Amino acid sequence: MPSTAKGTGACSLSAIQKYKIISASFARGKDAGQYQAHLPSPSERRRADSLQDAPYDLLSSQICRQRGGGPDLPDTVLYLAYGSNLCAETFQGKRGIRPLSQVSVVVPELVMTFDLAGLPYVEPCFANTKYRTTEPSPLPSEKTSLLSAPPPEYHKNRWKKGLVGVVYEVTKEDFAHIIATEGGGASYQDVLVQCYEIPQNQATVPEHPTSDPFKAHTLYSPISPPGENPPPQEGGRFSRPDPDYAQPSARYLKLIHDGADEHALPEEYKTYLHQLRAYTVTTRKQEIGRAIFMMVWLPLITMVFGLNRRFADEDGRAPSWLVAVTGAVFKGMWMSYDGVFYGVFGDGERTVCGDGDGDGDGDGDVERRSLIRGWGGDEKVDDLHQVV
């Protein structure tokens, strides 16, 4: 009799999990305004199984046919989010993802950056990650030696602890959809990182967490060095001459703030987020430049995103010809900004205040900005925002 009860319980659990997975996939795109605010944490078994996971090959392998979890949950992926995907409005609403479980974490080996180039005057940059390192800084180049003072420490680089984010458990179909909405996988690598659960509403972020670790997948976009024209074949993006220079928009920062509040992330981290300064148009010339820039480039950018959604395969990957077209459009856009718009209409990446600096770092940053011009190597706007 006990063995029968045990077997029945196992069958019931399996049926429940299958129902959740089917429901999550079916629900995408429906009831976008109704978000799942309270979800359970991933089970201890699922976390333990994650230690045996392997990264997905976003360029060649079929994600939906690869192993995405442990033996009990082979069709789920533990996905680490840290930028606008923290916010239910973006993750569940615009992207249509239906997570099965979630947990707040710290990832000591990573730190969040804002070095992904976006759209000048509108969305200058987006969140990314990089590996934390204690390696010494490279020797100054001929270009940097022209600076009269060391480069300033931007506000967005002042977080010195590990990355703080949320791990969602999602179906493999939803994970493929995430990849599709992030550019079809051409700009990213899938990496596995070690995560540690952190309690909600705690005051500080632990530098050396003591909770049991588990692994989660995240999309990592290494930045190409200035002057390197093609992005890395394994995934990556072009970088600006100073990847740390641009400021994110107020809209984008608000999504991250809202997500941090929704998940009750540590107060120390939320304080840091609220200290970040958003890009703001402050002159009439910038307003005119923004209007013209959007008139010229936004239709092309919207078309590219639409084509990515249209031609992405079941694993979210865009075809190679579309990857090339997307890269050419974005490179052309930034070349036009550097060669024409910046000189005529003003800065589209960083707020220009009374002293010419948007981050409170003094006149030295004005000289730095003059040295890094040039390329180193929601109607339509709502459509653009669906991928960020």
Protein backbone atom coordinates (compact mmCIF):
# COMPACT_ATOMS: atom_id res chain seq x y z
CA MET A 1 0.00 0.00 0.00
CA PRO A 2 2.74 2.56 0.78
CA SER A 3 4.43 1.78 -2.51
CA THR A 4 1.15 2.37 -4.37
CA ALA A 5 0.70 5.76 -2.71
CA LYS A 6 4.24 6.71 -3.55
CA GLY A 7 3.76 5.74 -7.19
CA THR A 8 0.52 7.68 -7.40
CA GLY A 9 2.21 10.78 -6.00
CA ALA A 10 4.99 10.53 -8.56
CA CYS A 11 2.50 10.25 -11.41
CA SER A 12 0.54 13.23 -10.09
CA LEU A 13 3.69 15.38 -9.88
CA SER A 14 4.63 14.44 -13.43
CA ALA A 15 1.16 15.31 -14.68
CA ILE A 16 1.20 18.65 -12.88
CA GLN A 17 4.60 19.55 -14.32
CA LYS A 18 3.50 18.59 -17.83
CA TYR A 19 0.37 20.68 -17.43
CA LYS A 20 2.42 23.69 -16.33
CA ILE A 21 4.76 23.33 -19.30
CA ILE A 22 1.92 22.98 -21.81
CA SER A 23 -0.01 25.87 -20.23
CA ALA A 24 3.04 28.13 -20.25
CA SER A 25 3.67 27.56 -23.94
CA PHE A 26 -0.01 27.96 -24.85
CA ALA A 27 -0.39 31.17 -22.86
CA ARG A 28 2.24 33.20 -24.73
CA GLY A 29 0.78 36.31 -26.22
CA LYS A 30 -2.53 36.00 -24.40
CA ASP A 31 -3.69 38.15 -21.50
CA ALA A 32 -0.50 40.21 -21.78
CA GLY A 33 -1.74 42.55 -19.07
CA GLN A 34 -2.09 39.75 -16.51
CA TYR A 35 1.29 38.91 -15.03
CA GLN A 36 2.23 36.08 -12.69
CA ALA A 37 3.51 38.03 -9.71
CA HIS A 38 3.91 35.18 -7.23
CA LEU A 39 5.71 32.07 -8.39
CA PRO A 40 7.35 29.24 -6.46
CA SER A 41 11.12 28.83 -6.35
CA PRO A 42 12.73 26.17 -8.55
CA SER A 43 12.70 22.84 -6.71
CA GLU A 44 15.78 21.51 -4.96
CA ARG A 45 15.86 18.64 -7.45
CA ARG A 46 15.78 21.04 -10.40
CA ARG A 47 18.61 23.09 -8.91
CA ALA A 48 20.68 19.97 -8.32
CA ASP A 49 20.06 18.79 -11.87
CA SER A 50 21.26 22.15 -13.20
CA LEU A 51 24.80 21.29 -12.11
CA GLN A 52 24.84 18.71 -14.92
CA ASP A 53 23.62 21.10 -17.62
CA ALA A 54 25.74 22.19 -20.57
CA PRO A 55 25.56 25.46 -22.55
CA TYR A 56 23.53 25.52 -25.73
CA ASP A 57 25.22 26.17 -29.07
CA LEU A 58 23.05 29.03 -30.34
CA LEU A 59 24.58 29.01 -33.82
CA SER A 60 24.33 25.39 -34.88
CA SER A 61 22.44 23.12 -32.50
CA GLN A 62 18.71 22.64 -32.16
CA ILE A 63 17.80 23.91 -28.71
CA CYS A 64 14.43 22.23 -28.56
CA ARG A 65 16.12 18.85 -29.12
CA GLN A 66 18.93 19.36 -26.63
CA ARG A 67 18.85 18.45 -22.98
CA GLY A 68 17.47 21.42 -21.10
CA GLY A 69 17.14 20.06 -17.60
CA GLY A 70 17.33 17.06 -15.35
CA PRO A 71 15.64 13.69 -15.86
CA ASP A 72 12.43 14.78 -14.13
CA LEU A 73 12.12 18.08 -16.01
CA PRO A 74 13.85 17.62 -19.36
CA ASP A 75 11.96 20.42 -21.06
CA THR A 76 12.78 23.38 -18.83
CA VAL A 77 15.67 25.84 -18.71
CA LEU A 78 16.89 27.90 -15.76
CA TYR A 79 17.40 31.33 -17.33
CA LEU A 80 19.19 34.23 -15.59
CA ALA A 81 17.71 37.70 -16.22
CA TYR A 82 19.23 40.97 -15.05
CA GLY A 83 18.12 43.90 -17.26
CA SER A 84 14.66 44.78 -18.52
CA ASN A 85 13.66 41.10 -18.28
CA LEU A 86 13.44 41.59 -14.52
CA CYS A 87 10.25 43.50 -15.20
CA ALA A 88 7.03 41.54 -15.77
CA GLU A 89 5.83 44.19 -18.23
CA THR A 90 8.72 43.23 -20.54
CA PHE A 91 9.32 39.56 -19.77
CA GLN A 92 5.74 38.34 -19.46
CA GLY A 93 3.98 41.14 -21.32
CA LYS A 94 5.94 42.15 -24.42
CA ARG A 95 7.95 38.94 -24.76
CA GLY A 96 5.03 36.73 -23.76
CA ILE A 97 7.09 34.40 -21.54
CA ARG A 98 5.29 32.35 -18.90
CA PRO A 99 7.82 31.34 -16.22
CA LEU A 100 7.14 28.25 -14.13
CA SER A 101 9.20 29.36 -11.12
CA GLN A 102 11.63 32.10 -10.14
CA VAL A 103 14.23 33.00 -7.52
CA SER A 104 16.39 36.06 -6.78
CA VAL A 105 20.12 35.42 -7.00
CA VAL A 106 23.59 36.89 -6.90
CA VAL A 107 26.21 35.74 -9.42
CA PRO A 108 29.70 36.51 -8.08
CA GLU A 109 31.48 35.75 -11.37
CA LEU A 110 29.53 38.37 -13.37
CA VAL A 111 28.72 42.06 -13.15
CA MET A 112 26.10 44.05 -15.06
CA THR A 113 27.28 46.60 -17.61
CA PHE A 114 25.58 49.05 -19.98
CA ASP A 115 27.83 48.62 -22.99
CA LEU A 116 25.52 47.31 -25.72
CA ALA A 117 25.08 50.04 -28.32
CA GLY A 118 21.45 50.89 -28.99
CA LEU A 119 19.79 53.74 -30.89
CA PRO A 120 21.30 57.25 -30.53
CA TYR A 121 19.03 59.94 -29.06
CA VAL A 122 16.41 57.29 -28.12
CA GLU A 123 17.96 54.21 -26.46
CA PRO A 124 21.73 54.88 -26.41
CA CYS A 125 22.67 51.61 -24.69
CA PHE A 126 21.32 48.47 -23.06
CA ALA A 127 22.35 46.16 -20.24
CA ASN A 128 24.91 43.41 -20.73
CA THR A 129 27.22 41.40 -18.49
CA LYS A 130 30.92 40.78 -18.26
CA TYR A 131 33.06 38.50 -16.18
CA ARG A 132 34.58 40.05 -13.10
CA THR A 133 38.36 40.04 -13.18
CA THR A 134 41.25 41.10 -11.04
CA GLU A 135 43.69 41.23 -13.94
CA PRO A 136 45.75 44.45 -14.22
CA SER A 137 44.55 47.09 -16.64
CA PRO A 138 46.22 47.06 -20.07
CA LEU A 139 48.97 49.54 -20.81
CA PRO A 140 47.64 52.88 -22.11
CA SER A 141 47.43 53.18 -25.87
CA GLU A 142 48.62 56.13 -27.93
CA LYS A 143 45.04 57.36 -27.92
CA THR A 144 44.52 57.20 -24.18
CA SER A 145 47.91 58.78 -23.51
CA LEU A 146 46.50 62.01 -24.98
CA LEU A 147 44.16 62.34 -22.03
CA SER A 148 45.24 64.86 -19.44
CA ALA A 149 43.74 62.81 -16.61
CA PRO A 150 42.66 59.20 -16.01
CA PRO A 151 39.19 58.45 -17.39
CA PRO A 152 36.39 59.09 -14.90
CA GLU A 153 34.58 56.30 -13.13
CA TYR A 154 31.07 56.45 -14.52
CA HIS A 155 28.17 56.02 -12.13
CA LYS A 156 27.06 52.86 -13.90
CA ASN A 157 30.43 51.21 -13.18
CA ARG A 158 30.40 51.83 -9.43
CA TRP A 159 28.81 48.52 -8.50
CA LYS A 160 31.69 46.33 -7.32
CA LYS A 161 29.85 43.21 -6.16
CA GLY A 162 28.45 40.35 -8.22
CA LEU A 163 25.54 40.57 -10.62
CA VAL A 164 22.11 40.65 -8.98
CA GLY A 165 19.23 39.17 -10.94
CA VAL A 166 16.43 36.63 -11.13
CA VAL A 167 16.54 33.05 -12.37
CA TYR A 168 13.36 32.02 -14.16
CA GLU A 169 12.48 28.43 -14.93
CA VAL A 170 11.03 28.44 -18.46
CA THR A 171 10.14 25.88 -21.10
CA LYS A 172 12.63 25.26 -23.90
CA GLU A 173 10.10 26.75 -26.32
CA ASP A 174 10.00 29.95 -24.25
CA PHE A 175 13.80 29.98 -24.05
CA ALA A 176 13.96 29.78 -27.85
CA HIS A 177 11.49 32.69 -27.98
CA ILE A 178 13.74 34.71 -25.66
CA ILE A 179 16.63 34.11 -28.05
CA ALA A 180 14.49 35.22 -31.00
CA THR A 181 13.54 38.47 -29.26
CA GLU A 182 17.20 39.12 -28.43
CA GLY A 183 18.27 39.22 -32.07
CA GLY A 184 18.09 35.59 -33.13
CA GLY A 185 21.11 34.43 -31.18
CA ALA A 186 23.66 35.93 -33.57
CA SER A 187 24.97 38.42 -31.00
CA TYR A 188 25.03 36.12 -28.00
CA GLN A 189 26.64 33.08 -26.48
CA ASP A 190 24.74 30.89 -24.06
CA VAL A 191 26.83 30.50 -20.90
CA LEU A 192 26.23 28.67 -17.63
CA VAL A 193 26.99 30.60 -14.46
CA GLN A 194 26.91 29.69 -10.79
CA CYS A 195 24.04 31.34 -8.90
CA TYR A 196 23.30 31.75 -5.20
CA GLU A 197 19.82 32.43 -3.84
CA ILE A 198 19.38 35.64 -1.87
CA PRO A 199 16.41 36.38 0.42
CA GLN A 200 13.88 39.01 -0.54
CA ASN A 201 14.09 42.49 0.98
CA GLN A 202 17.47 41.93 2.56
CA ALA A 203 19.56 45.02 3.22
CA THR A 204 22.81 44.16 1.45
CA VAL A 205 24.15 41.89 -1.28
CA PRO A 206 26.58 39.26 0.06
CA GLU A 207 30.09 39.47 -1.35
CA HIS A 208 30.68 35.81 -0.51
CA PRO A 209 27.27 34.06 -0.53
CA THR A 210 26.88 30.89 1.53
CA SER A 211 23.70 29.38 0.06
CA ASP A 212 23.94 26.21 -2.03
CA PRO A 213 24.94 27.08 -5.61
CA PHE A 214 23.12 25.99 -8.75
CA LYS A 215 23.63 26.84 -12.41
CA ALA A 216 21.60 28.91 -14.84
CA HIS A 217 21.84 29.82 -18.50
CA THR A 218 22.27 33.44 -19.53
CA LEU A 219 22.86 35.22 -22.83
CA TYR A 220 26.34 36.73 -22.88
CA SER A 221 27.42 39.22 -25.55
CA PRO A 222 31.19 39.80 -25.47
CA ILE A 223 32.17 43.21 -26.76
CA SER A 224 34.54 43.33 -29.72
CA PRO A 225 37.66 45.45 -29.15
CA PRO A 226 37.63 48.84 -30.91
CA GLY A 227 38.91 48.45 -34.45
CA GLU A 228 37.77 44.82 -34.79
CA ASN A 229 35.18 45.00 -37.52
CA PRO A 230 33.32 41.67 -37.43
CA PRO A 231 31.88 40.52 -34.12
CA PRO A 232 33.24 37.23 -32.74
CA GLN A 233 31.95 34.18 -34.60
CA GLU A 234 30.84 32.62 -31.31
CA GLY A 235 28.57 35.60 -30.61
CA GLY A 236 29.26 39.21 -29.76
CA ARG A 237 28.61 42.78 -30.82
CA PHE A 238 30.44 45.78 -32.12
CA SER A 239 31.51 48.16 -29.40
CA ARG A 240 31.67 51.91 -29.24
CA PRO A 241 35.15 53.47 -28.84
CA ASP A 242 34.38 53.88 -25.13
CA PRO A 243 31.80 51.18 -24.30
CA ASP A 244 31.13 52.77 -20.90
CA TYR A 245 30.35 56.22 -22.29
CA ALA A 246 26.66 56.01 -23.19
CA GLN A 247 23.83 56.39 -20.70
CA PRO A 248 20.66 54.23 -20.80
CA SER A 249 17.32 55.91 -21.35
CA ALA A 250 14.98 56.79 -18.50
CA ARG A 251 12.43 54.33 -19.94
CA TYR A 252 14.93 51.47 -19.87
CA LEU A 253 16.14 52.26 -16.35
CA LYS A 254 12.56 52.39 -15.12
CA LEU A 255 11.98 48.82 -16.33
CA ILE A 256 15.00 47.67 -14.30
CA HIS A 257 13.86 49.68 -11.25
CA ASP A 258 10.36 48.22 -11.51
CA GLY A 259 11.76 44.71 -11.85
CA ALA A 260 13.97 45.17 -8.79
CA ASP A 261 10.94 46.29 -6.79
CA GLU A 262 8.76 43.44 -8.09
CA HIS A 263 11.31 40.86 -6.98
CA ALA A 264 12.19 42.64 -3.71
CA LEU A 265 15.90 42.71 -4.53
CA PRO A 266 18.31 43.94 -1.81
CA GLU A 267 18.04 47.59 -0.82
CA GLU A 268 21.75 48.13 -1.45
CA TYR A 269 21.33 47.13 -5.07
CA LYS A 270 18.17 49.18 -5.57
CA THR A 271 19.97 52.22 -4.18
CA TYR A 272 22.71 51.73 -6.78
CA LEU A 273 20.13 51.43 -9.57
CA HIS A 274 18.44 54.68 -8.54
CA GLN A 275 21.81 56.47 -8.66
CA LEU A 276 22.24 55.67 -12.34
CA ARG A 277 21.72 58.70 -14.55
CA ALA A 278 19.59 58.46 -17.66
CA TYR A 279 20.30 60.00 -21.04
CA THR A 280 18.25 63.17 -21.52
CA VAL A 281 17.89 65.46 -24.52
CA THR A 282 18.66 68.97 -23.22
CA THR A 283 18.95 71.17 -26.34
CA ARG A 284 16.72 72.14 -29.23
CA LYS A 285 19.33 70.86 -31.69
CA GLN A 286 19.24 67.44 -30.04
CA GLU A 287 15.45 67.37 -30.30
CA ILE A 288 15.64 68.13 -34.02
CA GLY A 289 18.43 65.59 -34.49
CA ARG A 290 16.42 62.92 -32.66
CA ALA A 291 13.37 63.53 -34.86
CA ILE A 292 15.39 63.33 -38.08
CA PHE A 293 17.39 60.33 -36.88
CA MET A 294 14.23 58.40 -36.02
CA MET A 295 12.64 59.37 -39.34
CA VAL A 296 15.64 57.98 -41.23
CA TRP A 297 16.61 54.93 -39.20
CA LEU A 298 13.65 53.75 -37.13
CA PRO A 299 11.74 52.28 -40.12
CA LEU A 300 14.84 50.24 -41.06
CA ILE A 301 15.41 49.07 -37.48
CA THR A 302 11.74 48.14 -37.12
CA MET A 303 11.90 46.22 -40.40
CA VAL A 304 14.99 44.30 -39.24
CA PHE A 305 13.33 43.29 -35.96
CA GLY A 306 10.21 42.26 -37.84
CA LEU A 307 12.25 40.11 -40.23
CA ASN A 308 14.02 38.48 -37.29
CA ARG A 309 10.70 37.50 -35.79
CA ARG A 310 9.39 36.34 -39.17
CA PHE A 311 12.33 34.17 -40.20
CA ALA A 312 13.59 32.87 -36.84
CA ASP A 313 13.55 29.08 -36.69
CA GLU A 314 12.07 26.99 -33.87
CA ASP A 315 15.18 27.64 -31.78
CA GLY A 316 14.95 31.42 -32.18
CA ARG A 317 17.91 31.68 -34.58
CA ALA A 318 17.88 34.10 -37.52
CA PRO A 319 19.26 32.94 -40.90
CA SER A 320 22.81 33.99 -41.76
CA TRP A 321 21.74 36.43 -44.48
CA LEU A 322 19.50 38.25 -42.01
CA VAL A 323 22.30 38.37 -39.44
CA ALA A 324 24.47 40.08 -42.07
CA VAL A 325 21.71 42.54 -42.99
CA THR A 326 21.10 43.39 -39.33
CA GLY A 327 24.79 44.01 -38.72
CA ALA A 328 25.06 46.23 -41.80
CA VAL A 329 22.03 48.31 -40.78
CA PHE A 330 23.30 48.92 -37.25
CA LYS A 331 26.82 49.70 -38.41
CA GLY A 332 25.51 52.13 -41.01
CA MET A 333 23.30 53.77 -38.40
CA TRP A 334 26.19 54.40 -36.02
CA MET A 335 28.46 55.60 -38.83
CA SER A 336 25.84 58.18 -39.80
CA TYR A 337 25.61 59.29 -36.18
CA ASP A 338 29.37 59.63 -35.75
CA GLY A 339 29.95 61.22 -39.14
CA VAL A 340 26.98 63.58 -39.37
CA PHE A 341 24.47 63.72 -36.55
CA TYR A 342 26.85 64.17 -33.62
CA GLY A 343 28.62 67.11 -35.22
CA VAL A 344 25.44 68.82 -36.42
CA PHE A 345 22.90 68.07 -33.69
CA GLY A 346 24.92 67.15 -30.59
CA ASP A 347 25.43 64.19 -28.32
CA GLY A 348 22.97 61.31 -28.69
CA GLU A 349 24.61 59.03 -26.11
CA ARG A 350 25.21 61.14 -23.03
CA THR A 351 23.39 64.00 -21.32
CA VAL A 352 24.98 67.40 -21.89
CA CYS A 353 24.60 69.54 -18.77
CA GLY A 354 25.85 73.00 -17.94
CA ASP A 355 29.48 71.87 -17.77
CA GLY A 356 29.12 69.66 -20.82
CA ASP A 357 29.11 66.46 -18.79
CA GLY A 358 26.23 64.17 -18.03
CA ASP A 359 27.70 62.19 -15.16
CA GLY A 360 29.04 64.83 -12.84
CA ASP A 361 32.65 64.02 -13.58
CA GLY A 362 33.96 67.44 -14.59
CA ASP A 363 35.37 68.97 -17.73
CA GLY A 364 37.87 66.16 -18.21
CA ASP A 365 35.09 64.04 -19.67
CA VAL A 366 34.43 66.65 -22.36
CA GLU A 367 37.98 66.19 -23.64
CA ARG A 368 37.51 62.42 -23.49
CA ARG A 369 34.32 62.67 -25.50
CA SER A 370 36.05 64.70 -28.22
CA LEU A 371 38.68 61.96 -28.59
CA ILE A 372 36.31 59.04 -29.03
CA ARG A 373 34.08 60.32 -31.82
CA GLY A 374 34.19 58.00 -34.78
CA TRP A 375 33.46 54.30 -35.08
CA GLY A 376 36.05 52.08 -33.36
CA GLY A 377 37.19 49.66 -36.14
CA ASP A 378 5.20 51.54 -27.69
CA GLU A 379 3.74 52.50 -32.71
CA LYS A 380 7.15 51.98 -34.23
CA VAL A 381 9.00 52.93 -31.07
CA ASP A 382 6.92 50.37 -29.15
CA ASP A 383 7.92 47.76 -31.73
CA LEU A 384 11.57 48.61 -31.14
CA HIS A 385 11.09 48.39 -27.37
CA GLN A 386 9.73 44.83 -27.61
CA VAL A 387 13.29 43.53 -27.85
CA VAL A 388 14.67 45.53 -24.92
